[in-house]
Amino acid sequence: MRKLAISILAAVIVAAMLAGGCAAPAPASTPAPAPPKTFDIGISSPLTGTAAPHGTMIQNGILQAIEDQNNEGGVTIAGQKYTLNPIIRDNKWDIMVSKSVAEELIFDKKVKVIAGPFVMDAVSTQTVSEPNKVILFALVVVVPSMTGPKKPYTFFTGYPFIQMYDDKCGYVQKFYPQAKKMVSMVIDLPDLAAFMDSVKTLAPRYGLDWLGYEKFPVTITDFNPVISRVLAKNPDIIDLAQLGTLGGVGALEIKQIRQAGFKGIILVPGAVPAQTVEEVVPKEYLYKIVCSMLDPSSPIAGDAYSGFCDRYQKKFNAPPFNALPFLEYNPVKGFFQFLNGQDTMDTTAWMEGFEKYHWSGLWGFDSYWIGKPMYGINRLTLGPSVVYEYTDGKLEPKWESPLPLELLQEK
């Protein structure tokens, strides 16, 4: 009877537990993964003022890279998943404002990466980013002191000036061998010396006689006084070194050169803002203008570049009007790909690893860092060497130049 009573009592207890919602514990399961954290990316670029059109294009390239990486799952670092988050600041293309923005992003927002400085704003940003071991993506090497073994955390997104001149000067030698004398029209900006050093290096390489330059302020609205000084030197080629910096005003520069009677070659080392040029410059003036461009519909462009242009159009409801968005996107997106899978949050380890990293970029060839023969460290990327020319009012691809690896890569 005693055993029977114990059995009945045990059954009653089990029934009560089940009725009360208590059940035997379930087998242990794998814990759910931690939700993604936010990884902040500082964006410092000129969004108001003279350089705003360019700063906006740079910003948009970074935002497209962030969106594309987040659509691929963000980044996972040291086992933790992160969603990339942009923190956008307008540095107004001002040295003091740029420095203040860098200090806020680094000391207050604790960012480990800043992208977007253009020219002079990159110089002041770097004074804060380098000593604090923050990865910086700046557009161009404005002065030689911006790069080298003592400035290893700064990578440059614009392809080398020397490459920009190599393909254009090579094109002139190949297709206009009678053109010899070249004069540059230049903006009085910190990157002037870097542009002119490239001209002095490349012109003799292709049998061109460079007659020097005439400079003007970035605030210019009438180019005629400068054009008169240039034409007095009787050039065959007028080099518009920094036309892209002027935005829409650069189209006026082309128009006034033709109005002044110059019928020779207008050489633009970078990409012309084609839509603006064709709105401002009469069709009969659009000839012998040698420049860079990469038409997304061209067979040369490839799927990666064409896909970027499609996504950009959808995101910003307009095509990029110059080369800056894809110049910025290409290495910044490459960095996000590199970052995904790193096992440390140490920016020194990131810098050392990314220096050696190769990635599939927008151009249809392997992207990686070069420049050591010139700067003592590999911190520049190659861009496409496709030369376009306006002929009878139409911009067309004319020549795909060999990449000048012997100038920028260690032997």
Protein backbone atom coordinates (compact mmCIF):
# COMPACT_ATOMS: atom_id res chain seq x y z
CA MET A 1 0.00 0.00 0.00
CA ARG A 2 2.85 2.37 0.85
CA LYS A 3 4.45 1.88 -2.61
CA LEU A 4 1.09 2.45 -4.27
CA ALA A 5 0.58 5.71 -2.34
CA ILE A 6 4.02 7.00 -3.37
CA SER A 7 3.34 6.19 -7.03
CA ILE A 8 -0.01 8.00 -6.90
CA LEU A 9 1.61 11.03 -5.25
CA ALA A 10 4.34 11.20 -7.89
CA ALA A 11 1.74 11.05 -10.67
CA VAL A 12 -0.23 13.87 -9.03
CA ILE A 13 2.91 16.06 -8.80
CA VAL A 14 3.80 15.49 -12.48
CA ALA A 15 0.25 16.28 -13.54
CA ALA A 16 0.30 19.46 -11.50
CA MET A 17 3.58 20.54 -13.07
CA LEU A 18 2.23 19.98 -16.57
CA ALA A 19 -0.99 21.83 -15.76
CA GLY A 20 0.98 24.77 -14.39
CA GLY A 21 3.08 25.02 -17.53
CA CYS A 22 6.21 23.50 -15.98
CA ALA A 23 7.90 20.93 -18.11
CA ALA A 24 11.19 19.16 -18.04
CA PRO A 25 14.00 21.46 -19.24
CA ALA A 26 14.67 21.41 -23.01
CA PRO A 27 18.08 20.38 -24.30
CA ALA A 28 20.59 23.23 -24.42
CA SER A 29 20.58 25.13 -27.78
CA THR A 30 23.14 27.34 -29.54
CA PRO A 31 22.73 30.96 -28.38
CA ALA A 32 21.37 33.38 -30.98
CA PRO A 33 24.05 35.53 -32.62
CA ALA A 34 24.45 39.02 -31.20
CA PRO A 35 22.65 41.69 -33.24
CA PRO A 36 24.86 43.84 -35.49
CA LYS A 37 26.57 46.85 -33.94
CA THR A 38 27.17 50.15 -35.70
CA PHE A 39 30.54 50.89 -37.25
CA ASP A 40 30.80 54.63 -37.87
CA ILE A 41 32.51 56.00 -40.98
CA GLY A 42 33.42 59.69 -40.85
CA ILE A 43 32.73 61.64 -44.05
CA SER A 44 34.39 65.05 -44.23
CA SER A 45 33.96 66.81 -47.54
CA PRO A 46 33.11 70.30 -48.85
CA LEU A 47 29.32 70.33 -49.18
CA THR A 48 28.85 74.12 -49.37
CA GLY A 49 30.86 76.83 -51.08
CA THR A 50 33.00 76.79 -54.22
CA ALA A 51 33.94 73.12 -54.05
CA ALA A 52 30.47 71.85 -53.08
CA PRO A 53 29.74 70.16 -56.44
CA HIS A 54 32.89 68.08 -56.07
CA GLY A 55 32.49 67.44 -52.36
CA THR A 56 28.97 66.19 -52.98
CA MET A 57 30.20 63.82 -55.70
CA ILE A 58 32.89 62.47 -53.35
CA GLN A 59 30.36 62.05 -50.53
CA ASN A 60 28.00 60.20 -52.86
CA GLY A 61 30.72 57.75 -53.89
CA ILE A 62 31.36 56.94 -50.21
CA LEU A 63 27.65 56.58 -49.46
CA GLN A 64 27.26 54.21 -52.40
CA ALA A 65 30.16 52.10 -51.09
CA ILE A 66 28.56 51.98 -47.63
CA GLU A 67 25.17 51.00 -49.02
CA ASP A 68 26.64 48.28 -51.25
CA GLN A 69 28.65 46.79 -48.37
CA ASN A 70 25.63 46.85 -46.02
CA ASN A 71 23.59 45.11 -48.71
CA GLU A 72 26.26 42.41 -48.68
CA GLY A 73 25.84 41.95 -44.92
CA GLY A 74 28.01 44.74 -43.55
CA VAL A 75 31.35 43.73 -42.05
CA THR A 76 32.34 41.20 -39.42
CA ILE A 77 35.42 42.07 -37.37
CA ALA A 78 36.79 39.85 -34.58
CA GLY A 79 33.57 37.82 -34.67
CA GLN A 80 31.26 40.83 -34.26
CA LYS A 81 28.93 41.86 -37.07
CA TYR A 82 28.67 45.57 -37.88
CA THR A 83 26.41 47.73 -40.02
CA LEU A 84 28.32 50.64 -41.56
CA ASN A 85 26.98 54.05 -40.53
CA PRO A 86 28.04 57.35 -42.17
CA ILE A 87 28.60 60.43 -40.03
CA ILE A 88 28.57 63.31 -42.53
CA ARG A 89 30.20 66.68 -41.93
CA ASP A 90 30.64 69.70 -44.21
CA ASN A 91 34.25 70.88 -43.99
CA LYS A 92 33.47 73.87 -46.24
CA TRP A 93 36.80 73.42 -48.07
CA ASP A 94 38.32 75.43 -45.25
CA ILE A 95 41.55 74.48 -43.47
CA MET A 96 40.43 75.39 -39.95
CA VAL A 97 36.93 73.93 -40.35
CA SER A 98 38.41 70.69 -41.75
CA LYS A 99 40.71 70.35 -38.75
CA SER A 100 37.81 70.99 -36.36
CA VAL A 101 35.67 68.40 -38.16
CA ALA A 102 38.48 65.83 -37.94
CA GLU A 103 38.84 66.48 -34.20
CA GLU A 104 35.10 66.01 -33.65
CA LEU A 105 34.96 62.79 -35.67
CA ILE A 106 38.04 61.29 -33.99
CA PHE A 107 37.77 62.50 -30.38
CA ASP A 108 33.99 62.76 -29.93
CA LYS A 109 32.60 60.22 -32.41
CA LYS A 110 35.56 57.81 -32.01
CA VAL A 111 35.71 56.97 -35.71
CA LYS A 112 38.55 54.82 -36.99
CA VAL A 113 38.08 55.79 -40.63
CA ILE A 114 37.55 59.17 -42.36
CA ALA A 115 36.92 59.60 -46.08
CA GLY A 116 36.14 62.56 -48.29
CA PRO A 117 38.71 65.38 -47.97
CA PHE A 118 39.34 66.88 -51.37
CA VAL A 119 42.48 69.06 -51.65
CA MET A 120 43.43 71.67 -49.03
CA ASP A 121 40.94 70.17 -46.57
CA ALA A 122 42.87 66.90 -46.79
CA VAL A 123 46.05 68.59 -45.57
CA SER A 124 44.49 69.82 -42.32
CA THR A 125 42.48 66.64 -41.76
CA GLN A 126 45.68 64.63 -41.98
CA THR A 127 47.29 66.63 -39.16
CA VAL A 128 44.72 65.05 -36.83
CA SER A 129 44.19 61.63 -38.43
CA GLU A 130 47.83 60.51 -38.76
CA PRO A 131 48.98 61.02 -35.12
CA ASN A 132 45.81 59.28 -33.93
CA LYS A 133 46.29 56.32 -36.30
CA VAL A 134 42.99 56.88 -38.07
CA ILE A 135 42.67 55.53 -41.63
CA LEU A 136 42.17 58.48 -44.00
CA PHE A 137 41.00 58.35 -47.61
CA ALA A 138 42.01 61.66 -49.23
CA LEU A 139 41.57 62.49 -52.89
CA VAL A 140 45.02 63.62 -54.02
CA VAL A 141 48.58 64.11 -52.85
CA VAL A 142 48.54 67.90 -52.76
CA VAL A 143 52.12 68.23 -51.52
CA PRO A 144 54.81 65.53 -51.29
CA SER A 145 54.89 65.79 -47.49
CA MET A 146 51.37 64.32 -47.35
CA THR A 147 52.67 60.86 -48.06
CA GLY A 148 55.68 58.67 -47.32
CA PRO A 149 56.66 56.13 -44.65
CA LYS A 150 55.93 58.65 -41.87
CA LYS A 151 52.31 59.12 -43.11
CA PRO A 152 51.23 55.48 -43.52
CA TYR A 153 47.56 55.79 -42.48
CA THR A 154 46.58 57.98 -45.46
CA PHE A 155 45.45 56.37 -48.73
CA PHE A 156 44.75 58.45 -51.85
CA THR A 157 41.67 57.74 -53.95
CA GLY A 158 42.37 59.86 -57.03
CA TYR A 159 44.64 58.15 -59.48
CA PRO A 160 48.11 59.68 -59.93
CA PHE A 161 48.50 62.96 -61.80
CA ILE A 162 51.37 61.42 -63.70
CA GLN A 163 49.01 58.74 -65.06
CA MET A 164 46.48 61.43 -66.01
CA TYR A 165 49.12 63.09 -68.19
CA ASP A 166 50.79 59.92 -69.44
CA ASP A 167 47.83 58.70 -71.48
CA LYS A 168 46.86 62.17 -72.82
CA CYS A 169 50.41 63.10 -73.85
CA GLY A 170 50.88 59.65 -75.36
CA TYR A 171 47.65 60.14 -77.32
CA VAL A 172 48.80 63.50 -78.68
CA GLN A 173 52.13 62.03 -79.79
CA LYS A 174 50.37 59.11 -81.50
CA PHE A 175 47.51 60.94 -83.23
CA TYR A 176 48.73 64.58 -83.48
CA PRO A 177 52.50 64.25 -83.99
CA GLN A 178 52.74 67.76 -85.44
CA ALA A 179 51.55 69.31 -82.12
CA LYS A 180 54.61 70.16 -80.01
CA LYS A 181 54.21 73.34 -77.93
CA MET A 182 52.06 73.15 -74.78
CA VAL A 183 51.06 75.77 -72.20
CA SER A 184 49.09 75.06 -69.01
CA MET A 185 46.24 77.17 -67.60
CA VAL A 186 46.14 76.46 -63.88
CA ILE A 187 44.28 77.36 -60.70
CA ASP A 188 46.29 78.80 -57.83
CA LEU A 189 45.59 75.91 -55.43
CA PRO A 190 47.80 73.70 -53.23
CA ASP A 191 47.77 70.91 -55.82
CA LEU A 192 49.27 73.19 -58.51
CA ALA A 193 52.86 72.05 -57.94
CA ALA A 194 51.88 68.37 -58.13
CA PHE A 195 50.13 68.91 -61.46
CA MET A 196 53.03 70.88 -62.91
CA ASP A 197 55.64 68.38 -61.73
CA SER A 198 53.73 65.74 -63.69
CA VAL A 199 53.66 67.90 -66.83
CA LYS A 200 57.41 68.56 -66.58
CA THR A 201 58.04 64.82 -66.25
CA LEU A 202 55.70 63.62 -69.00
CA ALA A 203 56.00 66.28 -71.72
CA PRO A 204 59.62 65.43 -72.70
CA ARG A 205 58.78 61.73 -72.55
CA TYR A 206 56.42 62.28 -75.50
CA GLY A 207 58.40 64.88 -77.40
CA LEU A 208 56.36 67.87 -76.23
CA ASP A 209 57.83 71.29 -75.49
CA TRP A 210 56.17 72.57 -72.32
CA LEU A 211 56.30 76.38 -72.23
CA GLY A 212 55.19 76.79 -68.60
CA TYR A 213 51.89 77.90 -67.11
CA GLU A 214 49.61 80.87 -66.47
CA LYS A 215 47.64 80.76 -63.24
CA PHE A 216 44.39 82.30 -62.03
CA PRO A 217 42.32 82.33 -58.80
CA VAL A 218 39.68 79.67 -58.15
CA THR A 219 37.05 82.46 -57.96
CA ILE A 220 37.56 83.37 -61.62
CA THR A 221 34.52 84.09 -63.82
CA ASP A 222 36.25 85.59 -66.88
CA PHE A 223 39.19 83.67 -68.37
CA ASN A 224 39.98 86.11 -71.18
CA PRO A 225 42.95 87.90 -69.51
CA VAL A 226 44.60 84.52 -68.80
CA ILE A 227 43.80 83.23 -72.29
CA SER A 228 45.49 86.28 -73.81
CA ARG A 229 48.70 85.52 -71.90
CA VAL A 230 48.54 81.87 -72.97
CA LEU A 231 47.92 82.61 -76.65
CA ALA A 232 50.85 85.05 -76.67
CA LYS A 233 53.08 81.95 -76.34
CA ASN A 234 51.62 80.54 -79.59
CA PRO A 235 50.89 77.00 -78.29
CA ASP A 236 49.66 73.99 -80.23
CA ILE A 237 48.15 72.54 -77.04
CA ILE A 238 46.48 74.26 -74.09
CA ASP A 239 46.51 72.12 -70.95
CA LEU A 240 43.57 72.75 -68.60
CA ALA A 241 45.24 71.01 -65.68
CA GLN A 242 42.57 71.31 -63.00
CA LEU A 243 39.45 71.90 -65.09
CA GLY A 244 37.50 69.36 -63.03
CA THR A 245 37.97 71.50 -59.90
CA LEU A 246 35.99 74.33 -61.53
CA GLY A 247 32.80 72.34 -62.11
CA GLY A 248 30.48 74.13 -64.52
CA VAL A 249 32.83 77.12 -64.77
CA GLY A 250 35.30 74.81 -66.50
CA ALA A 251 32.94 74.63 -69.46
CA LEU A 252 33.13 78.42 -69.72
CA GLU A 253 36.93 78.11 -69.79
CA ILE A 254 36.70 75.87 -72.88
CA LYS A 255 34.14 78.15 -74.55
CA GLN A 256 36.22 81.30 -74.08
CA ILE A 257 39.38 79.62 -75.37
CA ARG A 258 37.60 78.77 -78.61
CA GLN A 259 35.98 82.21 -78.79
CA ALA A 260 39.47 83.73 -78.56
CA GLY A 261 40.34 81.92 -81.81
CA PHE A 262 42.40 78.97 -80.57
CA LYS A 263 41.90 76.04 -82.94
CA GLY A 264 44.46 73.64 -81.48
CA ILE A 265 44.25 70.82 -78.96
CA ILE A 266 42.63 71.42 -75.56
CA LEU A 267 44.03 68.82 -73.20
CA VAL A 268 42.12 67.96 -70.00
CA PRO A 269 44.10 65.50 -67.83
CA GLY A 270 41.00 64.43 -65.92
CA ALA A 271 37.40 63.89 -66.94
CA VAL A 272 35.29 66.70 -68.36
CA PRO A 273 31.79 67.25 -66.92
CA ALA A 274 30.35 66.24 -70.29
CA GLN A 275 26.73 67.22 -69.70
CA THR A 276 27.66 70.71 -68.53
CA VAL A 277 30.23 71.19 -71.30
CA GLU A 278 27.68 70.29 -73.97
CA GLU A 279 25.15 72.71 -72.46
CA VAL A 280 27.59 75.64 -72.32
CA VAL A 281 29.97 75.14 -75.25
CA PRO A 282 28.53 75.48 -78.78
CA LYS A 283 28.81 72.28 -80.79
CA GLU A 284 31.10 73.89 -83.37
CA TYR A 285 33.68 74.47 -80.59
CA LEU A 286 33.67 70.84 -79.46
CA TYR A 287 36.63 69.43 -81.34
CA LYS A 288 40.21 68.40 -80.46
CA ILE A 289 39.34 68.25 -76.76
CA VAL A 290 41.32 65.33 -75.35
CA CYS A 291 40.17 64.09 -71.94
CA SER A 292 39.16 61.15 -69.78
CA MET A 293 35.72 59.66 -69.50
CA LEU A 294 34.28 56.21 -69.08
CA ASP A 295 30.90 55.82 -70.72
CA PRO A 296 28.95 53.09 -68.85
CA SER A 297 27.40 51.97 -72.15
CA SER A 298 30.82 51.47 -73.74
CA PRO A 299 32.14 47.90 -74.13
CA ILE A 300 35.32 49.14 -72.45
CA ALA A 301 33.43 49.95 -69.25
CA GLY A 302 32.60 46.42 -68.09
CA ASP A 303 29.89 45.13 -65.76
CA ALA A 304 31.34 46.46 -62.48
CA TYR A 305 31.50 50.08 -63.63
CA SER A 306 28.18 49.95 -65.47
CA GLY A 307 26.50 48.39 -62.42
CA PHE A 308 27.90 51.13 -60.19
CA CYS A 309 26.49 53.80 -62.52
CA ASP A 310 23.06 52.15 -62.49
CA ARG A 311 22.96 51.95 -58.69
CA TYR A 312 24.21 55.52 -58.38
CA GLN A 313 21.50 56.78 -60.73
CA LYS A 314 18.81 55.02 -58.68
CA LYS A 315 20.15 56.20 -55.32
CA PHE A 316 20.81 59.86 -56.19
CA ASN A 317 18.38 60.29 -59.09
CA ALA A 318 21.14 61.65 -61.31
CA PRO A 319 24.28 60.31 -62.99
CA PRO A 320 27.69 61.32 -61.65
CA PHE A 321 28.74 64.47 -63.51
CA ASN A 322 32.47 63.88 -63.02
CA ALA A 323 34.91 61.11 -62.13
CA LEU A 324 34.99 61.74 -58.38
CA PRO A 325 32.25 59.33 -57.23
CA PHE A 326 33.81 56.28 -58.82
CA LEU A 327 37.37 57.33 -57.94
CA GLU A 328 36.27 57.51 -54.30
CA TYR A 329 34.08 54.41 -54.41
CA ASN A 330 36.68 52.07 -55.87
CA PRO A 331 39.24 52.04 -52.98
CA VAL A 332 36.72 52.74 -50.18
CA LYS A 333 34.61 49.75 -51.19
CA GLY A 334 37.82 47.73 -51.47
CA PHE A 335 38.64 48.70 -47.89
CA PHE A 336 35.24 47.52 -46.64
CA GLN A 337 35.80 44.19 -48.37
CA PHE A 338 39.21 43.95 -46.70
CA LEU A 339 37.76 44.89 -43.31
CA ASN A 340 35.18 42.13 -43.48
CA GLY A 341 36.82 39.15 -41.77
CA GLN A 342 39.60 40.97 -39.92
CA ASP A 343 40.30 39.61 -36.44
CA THR A 344 41.31 42.85 -34.75
CA MET A 345 40.13 46.44 -34.25
CA ASP A 346 43.72 47.72 -34.39
CA THR A 347 44.01 50.31 -37.17
CA THR A 348 47.75 49.72 -37.50
CA ALA A 349 47.06 46.09 -38.42
CA TRP A 350 44.40 47.28 -40.86
CA MET A 351 46.79 49.77 -42.46
CA GLU A 352 49.55 47.19 -42.85
CA GLY A 353 47.16 44.60 -44.29
CA PHE A 354 45.32 46.93 -46.65
CA GLU A 355 48.61 48.19 -48.07
CA LYS A 356 49.11 44.71 -49.58
CA TYR A 357 45.47 44.02 -50.44
CA HIS A 358 44.21 43.36 -53.98
CA TRP A 359 40.54 43.65 -54.91
CA SER A 360 38.32 43.49 -57.97
CA GLY A 361 37.56 47.12 -58.64
CA LEU A 362 35.43 49.04 -61.10
CA TRP A 363 37.88 49.18 -63.97
CA GLY A 364 38.07 45.57 -65.13
CA PHE A 365 41.58 45.04 -63.81
CA ASP A 366 43.12 44.16 -60.46
CA SER A 367 43.13 47.09 -58.01
CA TYR A 368 46.00 47.51 -55.58
CA TRP A 369 48.28 50.17 -54.10
CA ILE A 370 51.25 51.59 -56.01
CA GLY A 371 53.43 54.71 -55.97
CA LYS A 372 56.52 53.75 -53.97
CA PRO A 373 59.06 54.94 -56.60
CA MET A 374 57.59 58.44 -56.32
CA TYR A 375 56.52 58.67 -52.69
CA GLY A 376 58.42 55.99 -50.81
CA ILE A 377 55.21 54.11 -49.95
CA ASN A 378 52.39 52.45 -51.90
CA ARG A 379 49.33 54.62 -51.28
CA LEU A 380 47.94 55.45 -54.75
CA THR A 381 45.71 53.43 -57.06
CA LEU A 382 45.70 53.22 -60.82
CA GLY A 383 42.65 54.40 -62.72
CA PRO A 384 41.44 53.60 -66.23
CA SER A 385 43.64 54.88 -69.05
CA VAL A 386 40.95 55.39 -71.67
CA VAL A 387 41.37 58.57 -73.73
CA TYR A 388 38.30 60.32 -75.12
CA GLU A 389 38.13 63.13 -77.62
CA TYR A 390 35.44 65.53 -78.76
CA THR A 391 35.20 65.28 -82.54
CA ASP A 392 32.52 67.23 -84.45
CA GLY A 393 30.64 67.88 -81.22
CA LYS A 394 30.61 64.28 -80.03
CA LEU A 395 32.63 62.76 -77.18
CA GLU A 396 34.01 59.37 -78.21
CA PRO A 397 36.48 56.82 -76.81
CA LYS A 398 39.59 56.88 -79.00
CA TRP A 399 42.40 54.97 -77.34
CA GLU A 400 43.08 52.68 -74.39
CA SER A 401 46.58 53.54 -73.22
CA PRO A 402 49.00 51.09 -71.59
CA LEU A 403 49.22 51.65 -67.83
CA PRO A 404 52.46 53.48 -66.87
CA LEU A 405 53.49 50.86 -64.33
CA GLU A 406 57.20 51.56 -64.78
CA LEU A 407 56.67 55.04 -63.26
CA LEU A 408 54.68 53.95 -60.24
CA GLN A 409 55.51 50.36 -59.37
CA GLU A 410 58.62 48.82 -57.85
CA LYS A 411 60.68 46.74 -60.26
